[in-house]
Amino acid sequence: MSLYDDAVHVLKDYTDQVQLRQDYLDHLAAHPDGMWKACTAGHLTASALVIDPSRDRVLLTLHKKLGMWLQMGGHCEPGDTTLEAAALREGSEESGISGLELLPGGPVRLDRHPIPAPCHWHFDVQYAAVARPDAVAAISDESLDLRWFGYDDVAGVADESVVRLLERTRARL
């Protein structure tokens, strides 16, 4: 199964956010290259909100280009075989933490957001992952900072997209 096929399968199985989910599926149907950064009409991305093992904090990255506190995530790459694999790879690369474990049940939520030209949209498929007890975070080249935040502190530093992702994640824990 290709990454494209996996994405379609994952989205068809996702039962929340019905209209947005359909928008993702319509985009992929209209753009066979919609998994890749080169698709300027927009492309799918995969992200992971990293949760500490005690499940009372999340790790956010201060994104170098955007200057915003965000969950780990980014573009799918040719070596990614599934959206889950892409989310785990991005989570590990941007946090420096290996051995992340995705919460069961598939994506936590979807978030479509505009991005600067030459592309127009990111169709983000958002997961949540728990770090191992011995995890040590390390700042990546894509980040200005990396920090653990208590759940109640996230709304004070991050935008509504991250807050909604955290709310959905907490409901799943």
N, C-alpha and C. Protein backbone atom coordinates (compact mmCIF):
# COMPACT_ATOMS: atom_id res chain seq x y z
N MET A 1 0.85 -1.18 0.00
CA MET A 1 0.00 0.00 0.00
C MET A 1 0.90 1.24 0.00
N SER A 2 0.57 2.20 -0.82
CA SER A 2 1.33 3.45 -0.88
C SER A 2 0.93 4.39 0.25
N LEU A 3 1.74 5.41 0.48
CA LEU A 3 1.41 6.41 1.48
C LEU A 3 0.08 7.09 1.13
N TYR A 4 -0.13 7.37 -0.15
CA TYR A 4 -1.39 7.96 -0.60
C TYR A 4 -2.56 7.05 -0.22
N ASP A 5 -2.44 5.76 -0.53
CA ASP A 5 -3.51 4.81 -0.20
C ASP A 5 -3.75 4.73 1.30
N ASP A 6 -2.65 4.74 2.07
CA ASP A 6 -2.78 4.72 3.52
C ASP A 6 -3.54 5.96 3.99
N ALA A 7 -3.20 7.12 3.45
CA ALA A 7 -3.87 8.36 3.86
C ALA A 7 -5.37 8.29 3.58
N VAL A 8 -5.72 7.82 2.41
CA VAL A 8 -7.15 7.70 2.07
C VAL A 8 -7.83 6.75 3.04
N HIS A 9 -7.19 5.62 3.33
CA HIS A 9 -7.75 4.64 4.26
C HIS A 9 -7.92 5.25 5.66
N VAL A 10 -6.88 5.92 6.16
CA VAL A 10 -6.94 6.55 7.48
C VAL A 10 -8.06 7.58 7.54
N LEU A 11 -8.16 8.40 6.51
CA LEU A 11 -9.20 9.44 6.50
C LEU A 11 -10.60 8.85 6.41
N LYS A 12 -10.77 7.80 5.63
CA LYS A 12 -12.09 7.17 5.54
C LYS A 12 -12.50 6.56 6.87
N ASP A 13 -11.54 6.08 7.66
CA ASP A 13 -11.84 5.48 8.96
C ASP A 13 -12.02 6.52 10.06
N TYR A 14 -11.58 7.75 9.82
CA TYR A 14 -11.68 8.81 10.81
C TYR A 14 -13.12 9.31 10.83
N THR A 15 -13.77 9.27 11.98
CA THR A 15 -15.22 9.56 12.03
C THR A 15 -15.56 10.95 12.55
N ASP A 16 -14.58 11.71 13.01
CA ASP A 16 -14.84 13.06 13.50
C ASP A 16 -14.65 14.07 12.38
N GLN A 17 -15.04 15.31 12.65
CA GLN A 17 -14.81 16.42 11.73
C GLN A 17 -15.21 16.03 10.29
N VAL A 18 -16.44 15.63 10.14
CA VAL A 18 -16.92 15.01 8.90
C VAL A 18 -16.69 15.88 7.67
N GLN A 19 -17.02 17.15 7.71
CA GLN A 19 -16.85 18.00 6.53
C GLN A 19 -15.37 18.21 6.22
N LEU A 20 -14.56 18.47 7.23
CA LEU A 20 -13.14 18.67 7.00
C LEU A 20 -12.50 17.38 6.48
N ARG A 21 -12.89 16.26 7.04
CA ARG A 21 -12.39 14.97 6.55
C ARG A 21 -12.72 14.80 5.07
N GLN A 22 -13.92 15.17 4.67
CA GLN A 22 -14.31 15.07 3.26
C GLN A 22 -13.49 16.03 2.40
N ASP A 23 -13.21 17.21 2.93
CA ASP A 23 -12.35 18.15 2.21
C ASP A 23 -10.97 17.55 1.95
N TYR A 24 -10.42 16.84 2.93
CA TYR A 24 -9.13 16.17 2.76
C TYR A 24 -9.24 15.12 1.66
N LEU A 25 -10.28 14.30 1.72
CA LEU A 25 -10.45 13.24 0.72
C LEU A 25 -10.66 13.83 -0.67
N ASP A 26 -11.44 14.91 -0.78
CA ASP A 26 -11.65 15.57 -2.07
C ASP A 26 -10.34 16.13 -2.61
N HIS A 27 -9.54 16.70 -1.72
CA HIS A 27 -8.25 17.25 -2.14
C HIS A 27 -7.36 16.14 -2.71
N LEU A 28 -7.29 15.02 -2.01
CA LEU A 28 -6.47 13.91 -2.51
C LEU A 28 -7.00 13.36 -3.82
N ALA A 29 -8.32 13.28 -3.96
CA ALA A 29 -8.90 12.79 -5.22
C ALA A 29 -8.56 13.72 -6.38
N ALA A 30 -8.53 15.01 -6.13
CA ALA A 30 -8.23 15.99 -7.18
C ALA A 30 -6.73 16.15 -7.42
N HIS A 31 -5.92 15.75 -6.44
CA HIS A 31 -4.47 15.95 -6.53
C HIS A 31 -3.74 14.65 -6.15
N PRO A 32 -3.46 13.80 -7.12
CA PRO A 32 -2.74 12.56 -6.81
C PRO A 32 -1.37 12.80 -6.16
N ASP A 33 -0.84 14.01 -6.32
CA ASP A 33 0.44 14.36 -5.68
C ASP A 33 0.22 15.10 -4.36
N GLY A 34 -0.99 15.04 -3.82
CA GLY A 34 -1.37 15.80 -2.63
C GLY A 34 -0.72 15.37 -1.34
N MET A 35 0.12 14.35 -1.39
CA MET A 35 0.88 13.94 -0.20
C MET A 35 2.20 14.69 -0.09
N TRP A 36 2.60 15.37 -1.15
CA TRP A 36 3.96 15.88 -1.24
C TRP A 36 4.03 17.39 -1.25
N LYS A 37 5.10 17.91 -0.70
CA LYS A 37 5.35 19.34 -0.60
C LYS A 37 5.29 20.04 -1.96
N ALA A 38 5.62 19.33 -3.02
CA ALA A 38 5.62 19.91 -4.36
C ALA A 38 4.22 20.25 -4.87
N CYS A 39 3.18 19.73 -4.24
CA CYS A 39 1.80 20.02 -4.65
C CYS A 39 1.43 21.41 -4.12
N THR A 40 1.48 22.41 -5.01
CA THR A 40 1.28 23.79 -4.57
C THR A 40 -0.17 24.13 -4.23
N ALA A 41 -1.11 23.26 -4.60
CA ALA A 41 -2.51 23.48 -4.21
C ALA A 41 -2.70 23.15 -2.73
N GLY A 42 -1.72 22.49 -2.14
CA GLY A 42 -1.79 22.05 -0.76
C GLY A 42 -1.39 20.60 -0.65
N HIS A 43 -0.97 20.19 0.54
CA HIS A 43 -0.54 18.81 0.71
C HIS A 43 -0.75 18.38 2.16
N LEU A 44 -0.87 17.06 2.34
CA LEU A 44 -1.02 16.52 3.67
C LEU A 44 0.30 16.63 4.42
N THR A 45 0.19 16.87 5.71
CA THR A 45 1.32 16.84 6.63
C THR A 45 0.91 15.93 7.79
N ALA A 46 1.88 15.53 8.59
CA ALA A 46 1.59 14.68 9.74
C ALA A 46 2.29 15.28 10.96
N SER A 47 1.58 15.29 12.08
CA SER A 47 2.17 15.84 13.28
C SER A 47 1.84 14.98 14.49
N ALA A 48 2.62 15.21 15.56
CA ALA A 48 2.42 14.46 16.80
C ALA A 48 2.60 15.39 17.99
N LEU A 49 1.60 15.44 18.83
CA LEU A 49 1.71 16.15 20.10
C LEU A 49 2.37 15.19 21.08
N VAL A 50 3.56 15.54 21.55
CA VAL A 50 4.32 14.67 22.44
C VAL A 50 3.91 14.93 23.89
N ILE A 51 3.53 13.85 24.57
CA ILE A 51 3.05 13.90 25.95
C ILE A 51 4.10 13.24 26.84
N ASP A 52 4.34 13.81 28.01
CA ASP A 52 5.30 13.18 28.91
C ASP A 52 4.67 11.92 29.52
N PRO A 53 5.50 11.00 30.03
CA PRO A 53 4.99 9.73 30.55
C PRO A 53 3.99 9.88 31.70
N SER A 54 4.11 10.96 32.49
CA SER A 54 3.16 11.16 33.58
C SER A 54 1.83 11.70 33.07
N ARG A 55 1.82 12.08 31.82
CA ARG A 55 0.62 12.55 31.11
C ARG A 55 0.04 13.83 31.73
N ASP A 56 0.94 14.73 32.14
CA ASP A 56 0.46 16.03 32.63
C ASP A 56 1.17 17.21 31.97
N ARG A 57 2.02 16.90 30.97
CA ARG A 57 2.70 17.96 30.22
C ARG A 57 2.82 17.55 28.75
N VAL A 58 2.99 18.58 27.90
CA VAL A 58 3.25 18.33 26.48
C VAL A 58 4.50 19.08 26.07
N LEU A 59 5.18 18.54 25.08
CA LEU A 59 6.41 19.14 24.57
C LEU A 59 6.06 19.94 23.32
N LEU A 60 6.39 21.22 23.33
CA LEU A 60 6.16 22.07 22.16
C LEU A 60 7.48 22.60 21.64
N THR A 61 7.50 22.87 20.35
CA THR A 61 8.68 23.42 19.71
C THR A 61 8.39 24.85 19.27
N LEU A 62 9.34 25.73 19.48
CA LEU A 62 9.23 27.09 18.99
C LEU A 62 9.77 27.06 17.55
N HIS A 63 8.85 27.01 16.61
CA HIS A 63 9.18 26.82 15.20
C HIS A 63 10.03 27.96 14.68
N LYS A 64 11.14 27.61 14.04
CA LYS A 64 12.11 28.60 13.59
C LYS A 64 11.53 29.56 12.56
N LYS A 65 10.81 29.05 11.57
CA LYS A 65 10.28 29.91 10.50
C LYS A 65 9.04 30.68 10.93
N LEU A 66 8.19 30.04 11.73
CA LEU A 66 6.91 30.67 12.09
C LEU A 66 6.97 31.45 13.40
N GLY A 67 7.95 31.16 14.26
CA GLY A 67 8.04 31.85 15.54
C GLY A 67 6.87 31.56 16.45
N MET A 68 6.31 30.35 16.33
CA MET A 68 5.14 29.96 17.13
C MET A 68 5.44 28.65 17.85
N TRP A 69 4.83 28.47 19.04
CA TRP A 69 4.92 27.21 19.76
C TRP A 69 3.93 26.24 19.13
N LEU A 70 4.44 25.11 18.65
CA LEU A 70 3.63 24.13 17.93
C LEU A 70 3.97 22.71 18.38
N GLN A 71 3.12 21.76 18.02
CA GLN A 71 3.44 20.36 18.16
C GLN A 71 4.48 19.99 17.09
N MET A 72 5.12 18.85 17.26
CA MET A 72 6.10 18.40 16.27
C MET A 72 5.34 17.97 15.01
N GLY A 73 5.89 18.27 13.84
CA GLY A 73 5.22 17.81 12.62
C GLY A 73 5.82 18.40 11.38
N GLY A 74 5.38 17.89 10.26
CA GLY A 74 5.88 18.41 9.00
C GLY A 74 5.50 17.57 7.80
N HIS A 75 6.27 17.73 6.75
CA HIS A 75 5.97 17.12 5.46
C HIS A 75 6.23 15.62 5.46
N CYS A 76 5.42 14.94 4.67
CA CYS A 76 5.65 13.52 4.43
C CYS A 76 6.86 13.38 3.52
N GLU A 77 7.58 12.27 3.67
CA GLU A 77 8.78 12.02 2.87
C GLU A 77 8.63 10.69 2.15
N PRO A 78 9.36 10.51 1.05
CA PRO A 78 9.22 9.27 0.26
C PRO A 78 9.42 7.99 1.07
N GLY A 79 10.21 8.00 2.12
CA GLY A 79 10.41 6.81 2.93
C GLY A 79 9.28 6.50 3.89
N ASP A 80 8.34 7.42 4.05
CA ASP A 80 7.21 7.19 4.96
C ASP A 80 6.23 6.23 4.30
N THR A 81 5.89 5.17 5.02
CA THR A 81 4.96 4.18 4.46
C THR A 81 3.52 4.41 4.93
N THR A 82 3.37 5.13 6.05
CA THR A 82 2.04 5.43 6.59
C THR A 82 2.05 6.83 7.18
N LEU A 83 0.86 7.39 7.39
CA LEU A 83 0.76 8.68 8.08
C LEU A 83 1.26 8.55 9.51
N GLU A 84 0.99 7.42 10.16
CA GLU A 84 1.49 7.19 11.52
C GLU A 84 3.01 7.23 11.54
N ALA A 85 3.63 6.58 10.55
CA ALA A 85 5.10 6.56 10.48
C ALA A 85 5.64 7.97 10.26
N ALA A 86 4.96 8.76 9.44
CA ALA A 86 5.39 10.14 9.19
C ALA A 86 5.28 10.97 10.47
N ALA A 87 4.18 10.81 11.21
CA ALA A 87 3.99 11.54 12.46
C ALA A 87 5.05 11.14 13.49
N LEU A 88 5.34 9.85 13.60
CA LEU A 88 6.37 9.40 14.53
C LEU A 88 7.76 9.90 14.13
N ARG A 89 8.06 9.86 12.84
CA ARG A 89 9.36 10.34 12.36
C ARG A 89 9.51 11.82 12.69
N GLU A 90 8.49 12.62 12.34
CA GLU A 90 8.54 14.06 12.63
C GLU A 90 8.63 14.30 14.13
N GLY A 91 7.85 13.57 14.92
CA GLY A 91 7.90 13.73 16.36
C GLY A 91 9.28 13.45 16.93
N SER A 92 9.91 12.39 16.45
CA SER A 92 11.25 12.04 16.92
C SER A 92 12.30 13.03 16.44
N GLU A 93 12.24 13.39 15.15
CA GLU A 93 13.22 14.32 14.59
C GLU A 93 13.19 15.68 15.30
N GLU A 94 12.00 16.19 15.53
CA GLU A 94 11.89 17.54 16.07
C GLU A 94 12.01 17.61 17.59
N SER A 95 11.79 16.48 18.27
CA SER A 95 11.90 16.47 19.73
C SER A 95 13.22 15.89 20.21
N GLY A 96 13.87 15.12 19.34
CA GLY A 96 15.08 14.41 19.74
C GLY A 96 14.79 13.17 20.55
N ILE A 97 13.51 12.81 20.68
CA ILE A 97 13.11 11.68 21.51
C ILE A 97 12.80 10.47 20.63
N SER A 98 13.49 9.37 20.88
CA SER A 98 13.19 8.14 20.16
C SER A 98 12.21 7.30 20.97
N GLY A 99 11.60 6.34 20.33
CA GLY A 99 10.70 5.42 21.02
C GLY A 99 9.36 6.00 21.40
N LEU A 100 8.91 7.05 20.71
CA LEU A 100 7.57 7.59 20.98
C LEU A 100 6.53 6.53 20.63
N GLU A 101 5.42 6.52 21.38
CA GLU A 101 4.32 5.59 21.12
C GLU A 101 3.05 6.39 20.87
N LEU A 102 2.46 6.19 19.69
CA LEU A 102 1.22 6.89 19.38
C LEU A 102 0.08 6.39 20.25
N LEU A 103 -0.80 7.30 20.64
CA LEU A 103 -2.02 6.88 21.32
C LEU A 103 -2.83 6.03 20.35
N PRO A 104 -3.47 4.99 20.83
CA PRO A 104 -4.28 4.16 19.93
C PRO A 104 -5.51 4.92 19.44
N GLY A 105 -6.05 4.46 18.33
CA GLY A 105 -7.28 5.04 17.80
C GLY A 105 -7.11 5.94 16.61
N GLY A 106 -5.91 6.01 16.05
CA GLY A 106 -5.68 6.81 14.85
C GLY A 106 -5.51 8.28 15.16
N PRO A 107 -5.73 9.13 14.15
CA PRO A 107 -5.52 10.57 14.35
C PRO A 107 -6.41 11.12 15.46
N VAL A 108 -5.89 12.12 16.15
CA VAL A 108 -6.65 12.79 17.20
C VAL A 108 -7.57 13.85 16.58
N ARG A 109 -7.05 14.55 15.57
CA ARG A 109 -7.87 15.55 14.87
C ARG A 109 -7.20 15.93 13.57
N LEU A 110 -7.92 16.73 12.78
CA LEU A 110 -7.44 17.28 11.52
C LEU A 110 -7.38 18.80 11.68
N ASP A 111 -6.41 19.41 11.00
CA ASP A 111 -6.32 20.87 11.03
C ASP A 111 -5.79 21.35 9.69
N ARG A 112 -6.64 22.06 8.95
CA ARG A 112 -6.21 22.65 7.68
C ARG A 112 -5.89 24.11 7.94
N HIS A 113 -4.69 24.53 7.53
CA HIS A 113 -4.30 25.92 7.76
C HIS A 113 -3.53 26.46 6.56
N PRO A 114 -3.72 27.74 6.28
CA PRO A 114 -3.00 28.36 5.15
C PRO A 114 -1.53 28.52 5.48
N ILE A 115 -0.72 28.45 4.45
CA ILE A 115 0.71 28.68 4.60
C ILE A 115 1.16 29.61 3.47
N PRO A 116 2.30 30.25 3.63
CA PRO A 116 2.77 31.19 2.60
C PRO A 116 3.07 30.51 1.26
N ALA A 117 3.02 31.29 0.19
CA ALA A 117 3.33 30.82 -1.16
C ALA A 117 4.73 30.20 -1.16
N PRO A 118 5.01 29.26 -2.04
CA PRO A 118 4.24 28.91 -3.23
C PRO A 118 3.10 27.94 -2.97
N CYS A 119 3.06 27.33 -1.80
CA CYS A 119 1.96 26.42 -1.49
C CYS A 119 0.81 27.24 -0.88
N HIS A 120 -0.36 26.63 -0.78
CA HIS A 120 -1.50 27.34 -0.23
C HIS A 120 -2.03 26.77 1.07
N TRP A 121 -1.99 25.43 1.24
CA TRP A 121 -2.60 24.81 2.40
C TRP A 121 -1.79 23.64 2.92
N HIS A 122 -1.79 23.49 4.23
CA HIS A 122 -1.36 22.26 4.88
C HIS A 122 -2.62 21.57 5.39
N PHE A 123 -2.77 20.33 5.03
CA PHE A 123 -3.85 19.48 5.51
C PHE A 123 -3.23 18.56 6.55
N ASP A 124 -3.17 19.03 7.80
CA ASP A 124 -2.42 18.31 8.83
C ASP A 124 -3.27 17.21 9.45
N VAL A 125 -2.69 16.02 9.53
CA VAL A 125 -3.29 14.88 10.21
C VAL A 125 -2.54 14.77 11.54
N GLN A 126 -3.26 15.01 12.63
CA GLN A 126 -2.62 15.19 13.93
C GLN A 126 -2.81 13.97 14.83
N TYR A 127 -1.70 13.50 15.35
CA TYR A 127 -1.67 12.37 16.28
C TYR A 127 -1.16 12.87 17.63
N ALA A 128 -1.19 11.99 18.61
CA ALA A 128 -0.57 12.26 19.92
C ALA A 128 0.30 11.07 20.26
N ALA A 129 1.46 11.35 20.86
CA ALA A 129 2.42 10.30 21.19
C ALA A 129 2.95 10.50 22.60
N VAL A 130 3.15 9.39 23.28
CA VAL A 130 3.67 9.42 24.65
C VAL A 130 5.17 9.10 24.61
N ALA A 131 5.94 9.90 25.33
CA ALA A 131 7.38 9.69 25.44
C ALA A 131 7.68 8.63 26.51
N ARG A 132 8.80 7.98 26.36
CA ARG A 132 9.25 6.99 27.36
C ARG A 132 9.68 7.72 28.64
N PRO A 133 9.67 7.03 29.77
CA PRO A 133 10.09 7.67 31.04
C PRO A 133 11.51 8.22 31.02
N ASP A 134 12.40 7.61 30.24
CA ASP A 134 13.78 8.07 30.21
C ASP A 134 14.06 9.06 29.08
N ALA A 135 13.01 9.59 28.46
CA ALA A 135 13.16 10.47 27.30
C ALA A 135 13.88 11.77 27.66
N VAL A 136 14.79 12.15 26.77
CA VAL A 136 15.49 13.43 26.90
C VAL A 136 15.28 14.19 25.60
N ALA A 137 14.67 15.36 25.68
CA ALA A 137 14.39 16.16 24.50
C ALA A 137 15.65 16.91 24.05
N ALA A 138 15.75 17.13 22.74
CA ALA A 138 16.88 17.88 22.17
C ALA A 138 16.37 18.77 21.04
N ILE A 139 16.76 20.01 21.04
CA ILE A 139 16.32 20.98 20.04
C ILE A 139 16.86 20.59 18.67
N SER A 140 15.99 20.63 17.66
CA SER A 140 16.38 20.31 16.28
C SER A 140 16.78 21.58 15.54
N ASP A 141 17.27 21.40 14.32
CA ASP A 141 17.64 22.54 13.47
C ASP A 141 16.42 23.37 13.06
N GLU A 142 15.21 22.79 13.16
CA GLU A 142 13.99 23.49 12.74
C GLU A 142 13.38 24.31 13.87
N SER A 143 14.03 24.31 15.02
CA SER A 143 13.43 24.91 16.20
C SER A 143 14.35 25.94 16.85
N LEU A 144 13.71 26.95 17.44
CA LEU A 144 14.44 27.93 18.25
C LEU A 144 14.52 27.50 19.71
N ASP A 145 13.53 26.71 20.12
CA ASP A 145 13.46 26.25 21.51
C ASP A 145 12.55 25.03 21.57
N LEU A 146 12.63 24.32 22.66
CA LEU A 146 11.83 23.13 22.90
C LEU A 146 11.55 23.12 24.39
N ARG A 147 10.27 22.99 24.77
CA ARG A 147 9.94 23.13 26.18
C ARG A 147 8.71 22.31 26.54
N TRP A 148 8.74 21.73 27.75
CA TRP A 148 7.57 21.05 28.30
C TRP A 148 6.64 22.09 28.93
N PHE A 149 5.36 21.97 28.64
CA PHE A 149 4.34 22.86 29.20
C PHE A 149 3.27 22.05 29.89
N GLY A 150 2.86 22.50 31.08
CA GLY A 150 1.71 21.90 31.74
C GLY A 150 0.47 22.17 30.89
N TYR A 151 -0.49 21.30 30.97
CA TYR A 151 -1.70 21.44 30.14
C TYR A 151 -2.32 22.83 30.27
N ASP A 152 -2.39 23.34 31.49
CA ASP A 152 -3.03 24.64 31.71
C ASP A 152 -2.23 25.81 31.16
N ASP A 153 -0.97 25.59 30.83
CA ASP A 153 -0.12 26.66 30.32
C ASP A 153 -0.14 26.79 28.80
N VAL A 154 -0.64 25.77 28.11
CA VAL A 154 -0.57 25.74 26.64
C VAL A 154 -1.34 26.90 26.01
N ALA A 155 -2.53 27.20 26.50
CA ALA A 155 -3.34 28.28 25.91
C ALA A 155 -2.64 29.63 25.98
N GLY A 156 -1.74 29.80 26.92
CA GLY A 156 -1.02 31.07 27.06
C GLY A 156 0.13 31.24 26.10
N VAL A 157 0.56 30.15 25.44
CA VAL A 157 1.72 30.25 24.55
C VAL A 157 1.42 29.83 23.11
N ALA A 158 0.42 28.99 22.92
CA ALA A 158 0.16 28.41 21.60
C ALA A 158 -1.14 28.93 21.01
N ASP A 159 -1.31 28.72 19.71
CA ASP A 159 -2.55 29.16 19.05
C ASP A 159 -3.68 28.15 19.28
N GLU A 160 -4.85 28.50 18.77
CA GLU A 160 -6.05 27.68 18.98
C GLU A 160 -5.92 26.27 18.42
N SER A 161 -5.18 26.11 17.35
CA SER A 161 -5.00 24.78 16.77
C SER A 161 -4.34 23.83 17.76
N VAL A 162 -3.31 24.29 18.44
CA VAL A 162 -2.60 23.45 19.41
C VAL A 162 -3.49 23.22 20.63
N VAL A 163 -4.22 24.23 21.04
CA VAL A 163 -5.13 24.09 22.18
C VAL A 163 -6.21 23.05 21.87
N ARG A 164 -6.78 23.10 20.67
CA ARG A 164 -7.80 22.10 20.29
C ARG A 164 -7.20 20.70 20.22
N LEU A 165 -5.97 20.58 19.71
CA LEU A 165 -5.30 19.29 19.67
C LEU A 165 -5.09 18.75 21.08
N LEU A 166 -4.67 19.60 21.99
CA LEU A 166 -4.48 19.18 23.38
C LEU A 166 -5.80 18.74 24.01
N GLU A 167 -6.87 19.50 23.77
CA GLU A 167 -8.19 19.14 24.33
C GLU A 167 -8.64 17.78 23.85
N ARG A 168 -8.49 17.53 22.55
CA ARG A 168 -8.88 16.23 21.98
C ARG A 168 -8.00 15.11 22.52
N THR A 169 -6.72 15.41 22.68
CA THR A 169 -5.78 14.41 23.22
C THR A 169 -6.15 14.05 24.65
N ARG A 170 -6.42 15.05 25.46
CA ARG A 170 -6.78 14.80 26.87
C ARG A 170 -8.05 13.98 26.97
N ALA A 171 -9.00 14.20 26.06
CA ALA A 171 -10.24 13.42 26.07
C ALA A 171 -9.97 11.95 25.74
N ARG A 172 -8.89 11.69 25.03
CA ARG A 172 -8.55 10.32 24.63
C ARG A 172 -7.72 9.59 25.69
N LEU A 173 -7.05 10.35 26.56
CA LEU A 173 -6.18 9.72 27.57
C LEU A 173 -6.98 8.95 28.61
